[in-house]
Amino acid sequence: MSTANNGGISASTLNFPQGIYSDGTNLFVSDASNNRVLIWNSIPTASGTAATGVFGQPDFVASSANSGGYSATSLYAPYGLTGDGTKLFIGDINNYRILVTPMPN
């Protein structure tokens, strides 16, 4: 049986993933209960591949809502994702907004 953040929160674990978006090179997954978006700089070819970047948290082990305070880089339960190649659009449900940010990497 799988559990949230199996083995602890890290670049390889998720807690309530809700959205996924790819620009053909990068992969973005909204990890709602960890209040972050995980980023892979290439499309993973195996389950459990560690993410290479994170948006919404200062590192891969933080998970608090609006870490560092409400801002243009904080998230509180991100859900849907999409992009246009230069910007990423994040449905930040508990902050009641669509966050528009330059495509993180």
PDB file of N, CA and C in Angstrom:
ATOM      1  N   MET A   1       0.834  -1.178   0.000  1.00  0.00           N
ATOM      2  CA  MET A   1       0.000   0.000   0.000  1.00  0.00           C
ATOM      3  C   MET A   1       0.880   1.242   0.000  1.00  0.00           C
ATOM      4  N   SER A   2       0.549   2.197  -0.787  1.00  0.00           N
ATOM      5  CA  SER A   2       1.294   3.450  -0.855  1.00  0.00           C
ATOM      6  C   SER A   2       0.774   4.426   0.182  1.00  0.00           C
ATOM      7  N   THR A   3       1.667   5.267   0.664  1.00  0.00           N
ATOM      8  CA  THR A   3       1.279   6.304   1.607  1.00  0.00           C
ATOM      9  C   THR A   3       1.832   7.635   1.130  1.00  0.00           C
ATOM     10  N   ALA A   4       1.234   8.720   1.610  1.00  0.00           N
ATOM     11  CA  ALA A   4       1.717  10.056   1.255  1.00  0.00           C
ATOM     12  C   ALA A   4       3.146  10.226   1.755  1.00  0.00           C
ATOM     13  N   ASN A   5       3.986  10.830   0.935  1.00  0.00           N
ATOM     14  CA  ASN A   5       5.382  11.082   1.290  1.00  0.00           C
ATOM     15  C   ASN A   5       6.059   9.831   1.841  1.00  0.00           C
ATOM     16  N   ASN A   6       5.812   8.697   1.204  1.00  0.00           N
ATOM     17  CA  ASN A   6       6.349   7.421   1.649  1.00  0.00           C
ATOM     18  C   ASN A   6       7.861   7.530   1.862  1.00  0.00           C
ATOM     19  N   GLY A   7       8.300   7.341   3.105  1.00  0.00           N
ATOM     20  CA  GLY A   7       9.713   7.468   3.442  1.00  0.00           C
ATOM     21  C   GLY A   7      10.097   8.874   3.849  1.00  0.00           C
ATOM     22  N   GLY A   8       9.151   9.801   3.852  1.00  0.00           N
ATOM     23  CA  GLY A   8       9.428  11.197   4.216  1.00  0.00           C
ATOM     24  C   GLY A   8       9.374  12.104   3.012  1.00  0.00           C
ATOM     25  N   ILE A   9       9.086  13.360   3.252  1.00  0.00           N
ATOM     26  CA  ILE A   9       8.988  14.327   2.153  1.00  0.00           C
ATOM     27  C   ILE A   9      10.366  14.525   1.516  1.00  0.00           C
ATOM     28  N   SER A  10      10.387  14.477   0.181  1.00  0.00           N
ATOM     29  CA  SER A  10      11.646  14.594  -0.561  1.00  0.00           C
ATOM     30  C   SER A  10      11.338  14.973  -2.011  1.00  0.00           C
ATOM     31  N   ALA A  11      12.378  14.989  -2.811  1.00  0.00           N
ATOM     32  CA  ALA A  11      12.232  15.269  -4.244  1.00  0.00           C
ATOM     33  C   ALA A  11      11.593  14.101  -4.991  1.00  0.00           C
ATOM     34  N   SER A  12      11.416  12.969  -4.304  1.00  0.00           N
ATOM     35  CA  SER A  12      10.860  11.774  -4.941  1.00  0.00           C
ATOM     36  C   SER A  12       9.488  11.386  -4.422  1.00  0.00           C
ATOM     37  N   THR A  13       8.916  12.193  -3.516  1.00  0.00           N
ATOM     38  CA  THR A  13       7.631  11.816  -2.928  1.00  0.00           C
ATOM     39  C   THR A  13       6.569  12.875  -3.185  1.00  0.00           C
ATOM     40  N   LEU A  14       5.321  12.438  -3.094  1.00  0.00           N
ATOM     41  CA  LEU A  14       4.180  13.309  -3.334  1.00  0.00           C
ATOM     42  C   LEU A  14       3.133  13.104  -2.240  1.00  0.00           C
ATOM     43  N   ASN A  15       2.323  14.128  -2.045  1.00  0.00           N
ATOM     44  CA  ASN A  15       1.201  14.051  -1.119  1.00  0.00           C
ATOM     45  C   ASN A  15       0.028  14.774  -1.766  1.00  0.00           C
ATOM     46  N   PHE A  16      -0.844  14.012  -2.404  1.00  0.00           N
ATOM     47  CA  PHE A  16      -2.035  14.509  -3.084  1.00  0.00           C
ATOM     48  C   PHE A  16      -1.700  15.266  -4.373  1.00  0.00           C
ATOM     49  N   PRO A  17      -1.012  14.600  -5.317  1.00  0.00           N
ATOM     50  CA  PRO A  17      -0.740  15.246  -6.602  1.00  0.00           C
ATOM     51  C   PRO A  17      -2.041  15.512  -7.337  1.00  0.00           C
ATOM     52  N   GLN A  18      -2.175  16.712  -7.904  1.00  0.00           N
ATOM     53  CA  GLN A  18      -3.435  17.107  -8.523  1.00  0.00           C
ATOM     54  C   GLN A  18      -3.335  17.507  -9.980  1.00  0.00           C
ATOM     55  N   GLY A  19      -2.247  18.128 -10.382  1.00  0.00           N
ATOM     56  CA  GLY A  19      -2.150  18.615 -11.751  1.00  0.00           C
ATOM     57  C   GLY A  19      -0.830  18.228 -12.372  1.00  0.00           C
ATOM     58  N   ILE A  20      -0.838  18.136 -13.682  1.00  0.00           N
ATOM     59  CA  ILE A  20       0.384  17.801 -14.405  1.00  0.00           C
ATOM     60  C   ILE A  20       0.409  18.614 -15.698  1.00  0.00           C
ATOM     61  N   TYR A  21       1.604  19.086 -16.051  1.00  0.00           N
ATOM     62  CA  TYR A  21       1.774  19.851 -17.287  1.00  0.00           C
ATOM     63  C   TYR A  21       3.179  19.579 -17.806  1.00  0.00           C
ATOM     64  N   SER A  22       3.306  19.462 -19.089  1.00  0.00           N
ATOM     65  CA  SER A  22       4.619  19.346 -19.720  1.00  0.00           C
ATOM     66  C   SER A  22       4.680  20.283 -20.906  1.00  0.00           C
ATOM     67  N   ASP A  23       5.831  20.921 -21.076  1.00  0.00           N
ATOM     68  CA  ASP A  23       6.051  21.750 -22.259  1.00  0.00           C
ATOM     69  C   ASP A  23       6.783  20.961 -23.341  1.00  0.00           C
ATOM     70  N   GLY A  24       6.871  19.651 -23.160  1.00  0.00           N
ATOM     71  CA  GLY A  24       7.552  18.784 -24.111  1.00  0.00           C
ATOM     72  C   GLY A  24       8.962  18.441 -23.669  1.00  0.00           C
ATOM     73  N   THR A  25       9.531  19.234 -22.802  1.00  0.00           N
ATOM     74  CA  THR A  25      10.862  18.985 -22.257  1.00  0.00           C
ATOM     75  C   THR A  25      10.793  18.823 -20.755  1.00  0.00           C
ATOM     76  N   ASN A  26      10.176  19.795 -20.077  1.00  0.00           N
ATOM     77  CA  ASN A  26      10.051  19.788 -18.620  1.00  0.00           C
ATOM     78  C   ASN A  26       8.707  19.208 -18.218  1.00  0.00           C
ATOM     79  N   LEU A  27       8.672  18.643 -17.002  1.00  0.00           N
ATOM     80  CA  LEU A  27       7.439  18.126 -16.434  1.00  0.00           C
ATOM     81  C   LEU A  27       7.183  18.858 -15.125  1.00  0.00           C
ATOM     82  N   PHE A  28       5.940  19.293 -14.911  1.00  0.00           N
ATOM     83  CA  PHE A  28       5.526  20.011 -13.710  1.00  0.00           C
ATOM     84  C   PHE A  28       4.365  19.241 -13.080  1.00  0.00           C
ATOM     85  N   VAL A  29       4.437  18.994 -11.771  1.00  0.00           N
ATOM     86  CA  VAL A  29       3.367  18.293 -11.053  1.00  0.00           C
ATOM     87  C   VAL A  29       3.004  19.102  -9.822  1.00  0.00           C
ATOM     88  N   SER A  30       1.719  19.458  -9.701  1.00  0.00           N
ATOM     89  CA  SER A  30       1.281  20.157  -8.494  1.00  0.00           C
ATOM     90  C   SER A  30       1.072  19.122  -7.393  1.00  0.00           C
ATOM     91  N   ASP A  31       1.728  19.354  -6.275  1.00  0.00           N
ATOM     92  CA  ASP A  31       1.733  18.474  -5.113  1.00  0.00           C
ATOM     93  C   ASP A  31       0.958  19.199  -4.015  1.00  0.00           C
ATOM     94  N   ALA A  32      -0.377  19.085  -4.068  1.00  0.00           N
ATOM     95  CA  ALA A  32      -1.270  19.958  -3.305  1.00  0.00           C
ATOM     96  C   ALA A  32      -1.023  19.957  -1.801  1.00  0.00           C
ATOM     97  N   SER A  33      -0.927  18.803  -1.183  1.00  0.00           N
ATOM     98  CA  SER A  33      -0.792  18.779   0.274  1.00  0.00           C
ATOM     99  C   SER A  33       0.609  19.119   0.756  1.00  0.00           C
ATOM    100  N   ASN A  34       1.578  19.146  -0.149  1.00  0.00           N
ATOM    101  CA  ASN A  34       2.918  19.634   0.200  1.00  0.00           C
ATOM    102  C   ASN A  34       3.099  21.097  -0.222  1.00  0.00           C
ATOM    103  N   ASN A  35       2.034  21.687  -0.778  1.00  0.00           N
ATOM    104  CA  ASN A  35       2.026  23.115  -1.126  1.00  0.00           C
ATOM    105  C   ASN A  35       3.200  23.499  -2.027  1.00  0.00           C
ATOM    106  N   ARG A  36       3.371  22.719  -3.091  1.00  0.00           N
ATOM    107  CA  ARG A  36       4.501  22.948  -3.997  1.00  0.00           C
ATOM    108  C   ARG A  36       4.200  22.417  -5.387  1.00  0.00           C
ATOM    109  N   VAL A  37       5.030  22.815  -6.329  1.00  0.00           N
ATOM    110  CA  VAL A  37       5.046  22.235  -7.662  1.00  0.00           C
ATOM    111  C   VAL A  37       6.423  21.632  -7.847  1.00  0.00           C
ATOM    112  N   LEU A  38       6.464  20.343  -8.157  1.00  0.00           N
ATOM    113  CA  LEU A  38       7.739  19.689  -8.442  1.00  0.00           C
ATOM    114  C   LEU A  38       8.039  19.807  -9.930  1.00  0.00           C
ATOM    115  N   ILE A  39       9.317  19.945 -10.249  1.00  0.00           N
ATOM    116  CA  ILE A  39       9.758  20.182 -11.617  1.00  0.00           C
ATOM    117  C   ILE A  39      10.824  19.154 -11.991  1.00  0.00           C
ATOM    118  N   TRP A  40      10.664  18.555 -13.155  1.00  0.00           N
ATOM    119  CA  TRP A  40      11.687  17.689 -13.728  1.00  0.00           C
ATOM    120  C   TRP A  40      12.173  18.369 -15.003  1.00  0.00           C
ATOM    121  N   ASN A  41      13.489  18.526 -15.149  1.00  0.00           N
ATOM    122  CA  ASN A  41      14.047  19.201 -16.328  1.00  0.00           C
ATOM    123  C   ASN A  41      14.072  18.312 -17.560  1.00  0.00           C
ATOM    124  N   SER A  42      13.667  17.072 -17.400  1.00  0.00           N
ATOM    125  CA  SER A  42      13.436  16.170 -18.527  1.00  0.00           C
ATOM    126  C   SER A  42      12.319  15.222 -18.102  1.00  0.00           C
ATOM    127  N   ILE A  43      11.658  14.631 -19.059  1.00  0.00           N
ATOM    128  CA  ILE A  43      10.548  13.739 -18.761  1.00  0.00           C
ATOM    129  C   ILE A  43      11.106  12.477 -18.101  1.00  0.00           C
ATOM    130  N   PRO A  44      10.657  12.152 -16.878  1.00  0.00           N
ATOM    131  CA  PRO A  44      11.156  10.944 -16.217  1.00  0.00           C
ATOM    132  C   PRO A  44      10.806   9.688 -17.013  1.00  0.00           C
ATOM    133  N   THR A  45      11.685   8.704 -16.953  1.00  0.00           N
ATOM    134  CA  THR A  45      11.443   7.439 -17.651  1.00  0.00           C
ATOM    135  C   THR A  45      11.170   6.301 -16.678  1.00  0.00           C
ATOM    136  N   ALA A  46      11.193   6.598 -15.366  1.00  0.00           N
ATOM    137  CA  ALA A  46      10.923   5.570 -14.360  1.00  0.00           C
ATOM    138  C   ALA A  46      10.190   6.189 -13.179  1.00  0.00           C
ATOM    139  N   SER A  47       9.358   5.399 -12.530  1.00  0.00           N
ATOM    140  CA  SER A  47       8.673   5.852 -11.318  1.00  0.00           C
ATOM    141  C   SER A  47       9.705   6.142 -10.231  1.00  0.00           C
ATOM    142  N   GLY A  48       9.419   7.139  -9.408  1.00  0.00           N
ATOM    143  CA  GLY A  48      10.298   7.462  -8.292  1.00  0.00           C
ATOM    144  C   GLY A  48      11.483   8.337  -8.646  1.00  0.00           C
ATOM    145  N   THR A  49      11.557   8.792  -9.901  1.00  0.00           N
ATOM    146  CA  THR A  49      12.660   9.673 -10.300  1.00  0.00           C
ATOM    147  C   THR A  49      12.568  10.978  -9.530  1.00  0.00           C
ATOM    148  N   ALA A  50      13.668  11.398  -8.915  1.00  0.00           N
ATOM    149  CA  ALA A  50      13.683  12.630  -8.121  1.00  0.00           C
ATOM    150  C   ALA A  50      13.491  13.853  -9.006  1.00  0.00           C
ATOM    151  N   ALA A  51      12.697  14.784  -8.515  1.00  0.00           N
ATOM    152  CA  ALA A  51      12.523  16.066  -9.209  1.00  0.00           C
ATOM    153  C   ALA A  51      13.837  16.835  -9.167  1.00  0.00           C
ATOM    154  N   THR A  52      14.009  17.733 -10.129  1.00  0.00           N
ATOM    155  CA  THR A  52      15.222  18.546 -10.185  1.00  0.00           C
ATOM    156  C   THR A  52      14.995  19.960  -9.670  1.00  0.00           C
ATOM    157  N   GLY A  53      13.731  20.334  -9.473  1.00  0.00           N
ATOM    158  CA  GLY A  53      13.422  21.669  -8.969  1.00  0.00           C
ATOM    159  C   GLY A  53      12.105  21.670  -8.213  1.00  0.00           C
ATOM    160  N   VAL A  54      11.905  22.741  -7.439  1.00  0.00           N
ATOM    161  CA  VAL A  54      10.679  22.886  -6.670  1.00  0.00           C
ATOM    162  C   VAL A  54      10.262  24.349  -6.693  1.00  0.00           C
ATOM    163  N   PHE A  55       8.964  24.603  -6.801  1.00  0.00           N
ATOM    164  CA  PHE A  55       8.413  25.952  -6.742  1.00  0.00           C
ATOM    165  C   PHE A  55       7.394  25.980  -5.624  1.00  0.00           C
ATOM    166  N   GLY A  56       7.425  27.011  -4.792  1.00  0.00           N
ATOM    167  CA  GLY A  56       6.465  27.157  -3.707  1.00  0.00           C
ATOM    168  C   GLY A  56       7.037  26.824  -2.340  1.00  0.00           C
ATOM    169  N   GLN A  57       8.202  26.195  -2.318  1.00  0.00           N
ATOM    170  CA  GLN A  57       8.893  25.854  -1.076  1.00  0.00           C
ATOM    171  C   GLN A  57      10.377  26.189  -1.232  1.00  0.00           C
ATOM    172  N   PRO A  58      11.077  26.444  -0.116  1.00  0.00           N
ATOM    173  CA  PRO A  58      12.497  26.785  -0.214  1.00  0.00           C
ATOM    174  C   PRO A  58      13.391  25.596  -0.552  1.00  0.00           C
ATOM    175  N   ASP A  59      12.879  24.362  -0.327  1.00  0.00           N
ATOM    176  CA  ASP A  59      13.660  23.155  -0.604  1.00  0.00           C
ATOM    177  C   ASP A  59      12.704  21.977  -0.735  1.00  0.00           C
ATOM    178  N   PHE A  60      13.256  20.784  -0.917  1.00  0.00           N
ATOM    179  CA  PHE A  60      12.417  19.599  -1.139  1.00  0.00           C
ATOM    180  C   PHE A  60      11.817  19.020   0.133  1.00  0.00           C
ATOM    181  N   VAL A  61      12.212  19.479   1.316  1.00  0.00           N
ATOM    182  CA  VAL A  61      11.690  18.890   2.548  1.00  0.00           C
ATOM    183  C   VAL A  61      10.710  19.799   3.290  1.00  0.00           C
ATOM    184  N   ALA A  62      10.542  21.032   2.850  1.00  0.00           N
ATOM    185  CA  ALA A  62       9.559  21.945   3.445  1.00  0.00           C
ATOM    186  C   ALA A  62       8.195  21.684   2.809  1.00  0.00           C
ATOM    187  N   SER A  63       7.125  21.920   3.581  1.00  0.00           N
ATOM    188  CA  SER A  63       5.792  21.679   3.014  1.00  0.00           C
ATOM    189  C   SER A  63       4.714  22.596   3.576  1.00  0.00           C
ATOM    190  N   SER A  64       5.073  23.606   4.351  1.00  0.00           N
ATOM    191  CA  SER A  64       4.043  24.430   4.970  1.00  0.00           C
ATOM    192  C   SER A  64       3.353  25.334   3.945  1.00  0.00           C
ATOM    193  N   ALA A  65       2.093  25.612   4.200  1.00  0.00           N
ATOM    194  CA  ALA A  65       1.323  26.499   3.330  1.00  0.00           C
ATOM    195  C   ALA A  65       1.925  27.896   3.370  1.00  0.00           C
ATOM    196  N   ASN A  66       2.053  28.507   2.211  1.00  0.00           N
ATOM    197  CA  ASN A  66       2.609  29.862   2.098  1.00  0.00           C
ATOM    198  C   ASN A  66       3.923  29.999   2.850  1.00  0.00           C
ATOM    199  N   SER A  67       4.801  29.041   2.641  1.00  0.00           N
ATOM    200  CA  SER A  67       6.112  29.052   3.293  1.00  0.00           C
ATOM    201  C   SER A  67       6.809  30.389   3.069  1.00  0.00           C
ATOM    202  N   GLY A  68       7.197  31.050   4.148  1.00  0.00           N
ATOM    203  CA  GLY A  68       7.813  32.371   4.052  1.00  0.00           C
ATOM    204  C   GLY A  68       6.800  33.491   3.979  1.00  0.00           C
ATOM    205  N   GLY A  69       5.507  33.165   4.022  1.00  0.00           N
ATOM    206  CA  GLY A  69       4.457  34.176   3.936  1.00  0.00           C
ATOM    207  C   GLY A  69       3.824  34.221   2.554  1.00  0.00           C
ATOM    208  N   TYR A  70       2.644  34.771   2.478  1.00  0.00           N
ATOM    209  CA  TYR A  70       1.915  34.895   1.211  1.00  0.00           C
ATOM    210  C   TYR A  70       2.714  35.787   0.259  1.00  0.00           C
ATOM    211  N   SER A  71       3.009  35.267  -0.929  1.00  0.00           N
ATOM    212  CA  SER A  71       3.800  36.025  -1.896  1.00  0.00           C
ATOM    213  C   SER A  71       3.596  35.456  -3.298  1.00  0.00           C
ATOM    214  N   ALA A  72       4.329  36.008  -4.241  1.00  0.00           N
ATOM    215  CA  ALA A  72       4.276  35.542  -5.623  1.00  0.00           C
ATOM    216  C   ALA A  72       5.008  34.219  -5.815  1.00  0.00           C
ATOM    217  N   THR A  73       5.662  33.715  -4.768  1.00  0.00           N
ATOM    218  CA  THR A  73       6.354  32.435  -4.867  1.00  0.00           C
ATOM    219  C   THR A  73       5.868  31.422  -3.835  1.00  0.00           C
ATOM    220  N   SER A  74       4.774  31.751  -3.131  1.00  0.00           N
ATOM    221  CA  SER A  74       4.239  30.810  -2.147  1.00  0.00           C
ATOM    222  C   SER A  74       2.969  30.168  -2.682  1.00  0.00           C
ATOM    223  N   LEU A  75       2.663  28.983  -2.173  1.00  0.00           N
ATOM    224  CA  LEU A  75       1.485  28.245  -2.599  1.00  0.00           C
ATOM    225  C   LEU A  75       0.762  27.665  -1.393  1.00  0.00           C
ATOM    226  N   TYR A  76      -0.554  27.490  -1.553  1.00  0.00           N
ATOM    227  CA  TYR A  76      -1.375  26.854  -0.538  1.00  0.00           C
ATOM    228  C   TYR A  76      -2.369  25.951  -1.265  1.00  0.00           C
ATOM    229  N   ALA A  77      -1.982  24.721  -1.451  1.00  0.00           N
ATOM    230  CA  ALA A  77      -2.773  23.693  -2.136  1.00  0.00           C
ATOM    231  C   ALA A  77      -2.903  23.956  -3.640  1.00  0.00           C
ATOM    232  N   PRO A  78      -1.783  23.930  -4.366  1.00  0.00           N
ATOM    233  CA  PRO A  78      -1.865  24.104  -5.819  1.00  0.00           C
ATOM    234  C   PRO A  78      -2.544  22.902  -6.480  1.00  0.00           C
ATOM    235  N   TYR A  79      -3.413  23.159  -7.417  1.00  0.00           N
ATOM    236  CA  TYR A  79      -4.123  22.092  -8.117  1.00  0.00           C
ATOM    237  C   TYR A  79      -3.748  22.062  -9.591  1.00  0.00           C
ATOM    238  N   GLY A  80      -4.520  22.731 -10.432  1.00  0.00           N
ATOM    239  CA  GLY A  80      -4.303  22.649 -11.864  1.00  0.00           C
ATOM    240  C   GLY A  80      -3.087  23.424 -12.334  1.00  0.00           C
ATOM    241  N   LEU A  81      -2.511  22.950 -13.428  1.00  0.00           N
ATOM    242  CA  LEU A  81      -1.344  23.588 -14.041  1.00  0.00           C
ATOM    243  C   LEU A  81      -1.530  23.662 -15.550  1.00  0.00           C
ATOM    244  N   THR A  82      -1.032  24.728 -16.127  1.00  0.00           N
ATOM    245  CA  THR A  82      -0.882  24.803 -17.570  1.00  0.00           C
ATOM    246  C   THR A  82       0.189  25.842 -17.852  1.00  0.00           C
ATOM    247  N   GLY A  83       0.579  25.960 -19.080  1.00  0.00           N
ATOM    248  CA  GLY A  83       1.605  26.928 -19.438  1.00  0.00           C
ATOM    249  C   GLY A  83       1.484  27.329 -20.886  1.00  0.00           C
ATOM    250  N   ASP A  84       2.290  28.324 -21.259  1.00  0.00           N
ATOM    251  CA  ASP A  84       2.310  28.766 -22.648  1.00  0.00           C
ATOM    252  C   ASP A  84       3.722  28.736 -23.231  1.00  0.00           C
ATOM    253  N   GLY A  85       4.645  28.073 -22.555  1.00  0.00           N
ATOM    254  CA  GLY A  85       6.027  28.003 -23.008  1.00  0.00           C
ATOM    255  C   GLY A  85       6.924  29.014 -22.339  1.00  0.00           C
ATOM    256  N   THR A  86       6.367  30.126 -21.885  1.00  0.00           N
ATOM    257  CA  THR A  86       7.164  31.129 -21.173  1.00  0.00           C
ATOM    258  C   THR A  86       6.643  31.378 -19.766  1.00  0.00           C
ATOM    259  N   LYS A  87       5.349  31.106 -19.543  1.00  0.00           N
ATOM    260  CA  LYS A  87       4.749  31.304 -18.223  1.00  0.00           C
ATOM    261  C   LYS A  87       4.060  30.024 -17.774  1.00  0.00           C
ATOM    262  N   LEU A  88       4.069  29.809 -16.450  1.00  0.00           N
ATOM    263  CA  LEU A  88       3.348  28.706 -15.843  1.00  0.00           C
ATOM    264  C   LEU A  88       2.164  29.289 -15.089  1.00  0.00           C
ATOM    265  N   PHE A  89       0.997  28.689 -15.255  1.00  0.00           N
ATOM    266  CA  PHE A  89      -0.231  29.134 -14.602  1.00  0.00           C
ATOM    267  C   PHE A  89      -0.617  28.067 -13.577  1.00  0.00           C
ATOM    268  N   ILE A  90      -0.721  28.454 -12.317  1.00  0.00           N
ATOM    269  CA  ILE A  90      -0.966  27.513 -11.231  1.00  0.00           C
ATOM    270  C   ILE A  90      -2.281  27.869 -10.543  1.00  0.00           C
ATOM    271  N   GLY A  91      -3.214  26.934 -10.496  1.00  0.00           N
ATOM    272  CA  GLY A  91      -4.436  27.119  -9.724  1.00  0.00           C
ATOM    273  C   GLY A  91      -4.109  26.917  -8.250  1.00  0.00           C
ATOM    274  N   ASP A  92      -3.974  28.018  -7.528  1.00  0.00           N
ATOM    275  CA  ASP A  92      -3.573  28.016  -6.116  1.00  0.00           C
ATOM    276  C   ASP A  92      -4.850  28.117  -5.282  1.00  0.00           C
ATOM    277  N   ILE A  93      -5.498  26.971  -5.068  1.00  0.00           N
ATOM    278  CA  ILE A  93      -6.888  26.927  -4.612  1.00  0.00           C
ATOM    279  C   ILE A  93      -7.136  27.594  -3.265  1.00  0.00           C
ATOM    280  N   ASN A  94      -6.317  27.359  -2.264  1.00  0.00           N
ATOM    281  CA  ASN A  94      -6.595  27.926  -0.942  1.00  0.00           C
ATOM    282  C   ASN A  94      -6.123  29.367  -0.788  1.00  0.00           C
ATOM    283  N   ASN A  95      -5.391  29.881  -1.773  1.00  0.00           N
ATOM    284  CA  ASN A  95      -5.091  31.316  -1.824  1.00  0.00           C
ATOM    285  C   ASN A  95      -6.056  32.030  -2.761  1.00  0.00           C
ATOM    286  N   TYR A  96      -6.997  31.293  -3.347  1.00  0.00           N
ATOM    287  CA  TYR A  96      -8.055  31.858  -4.196  1.00  0.00           C
ATOM    288  C   TYR A  96      -7.487  32.688  -5.347  1.00  0.00           C
ATOM    289  N   ARG A  97      -6.551  32.083  -6.069  1.00  0.00           N
ATOM    290  CA  ARG A  97      -5.926  32.819  -7.177  1.00  0.00           C
ATOM    291  C   ARG A  97      -5.395  31.861  -8.229  1.00  0.00           C
ATOM    292  N   ILE A  98      -5.136  32.436  -9.378  1.00  0.00           N
ATOM    293  CA  ILE A  98      -4.336  31.786 -10.402  1.00  0.00           C
ATOM    294  C   ILE A  98      -3.005  32.514 -10.365  1.00  0.00           C
ATOM    295  N   LEU A  99      -1.958  31.799  -9.990  1.00  0.00           N
ATOM    296  CA  LEU A  99      -0.635  32.398  -9.919  1.00  0.00           C
ATOM    297  C   LEU A  99       0.024  32.267 -11.284  1.00  0.00           C
ATOM    298  N   VAL A 100       0.497  33.376 -11.825  1.00  0.00           N
ATOM    299  CA  VAL A 100       1.180  33.396 -13.116  1.00  0.00           C
ATOM    300  C   VAL A 100       2.635  33.721 -12.830  1.00  0.00           C
ATOM    301  N   THR A 101       3.522  32.844 -13.257  1.00  0.00           N
ATOM    302  CA  THR A 101       4.940  33.019 -12.977  1.00  0.00           C
ATOM    303  C   THR A 101       5.763  32.676 -14.212  1.00  0.00           C
ATOM    304  N   PRO A 102       6.932  33.295 -14.380  1.00  0.00           N
ATOM    305  CA  PRO A 102       7.805  32.843 -15.459  1.00  0.00           C
ATOM    306  C   PRO A 102       8.061  31.340 -15.297  1.00  0.00           C
ATOM    307  N   MET A 103       8.225  30.647 -16.383  1.00  0.00           N
ATOM    308  CA  MET A 103       8.424  29.209 -16.352  1.00  0.00           C
ATOM    309  C   MET A 103       9.631  28.880 -15.457  1.00  0.00           C
ATOM    310  N   PRO A 104       9.391  28.277 -14.279  1.00  0.00           N
ATOM    311  CA  PRO A 104      10.516  27.927 -13.403  1.00  0.00           C
ATOM    312  C   PRO A 104      11.307  26.769 -13.978  1.00  0.00           C
ATOM    313  N   ASN A 105      12.560  26.658 -13.559  1.00  0.00           N
ATOM    314  CA  ASN A 105      13.373  25.510 -14.007  1.00  0.00           C
ATOM    315  C   ASN A 105      14.289  25.035 -12.932  1.00  0.00           C
TER     316      ASN A 105
END
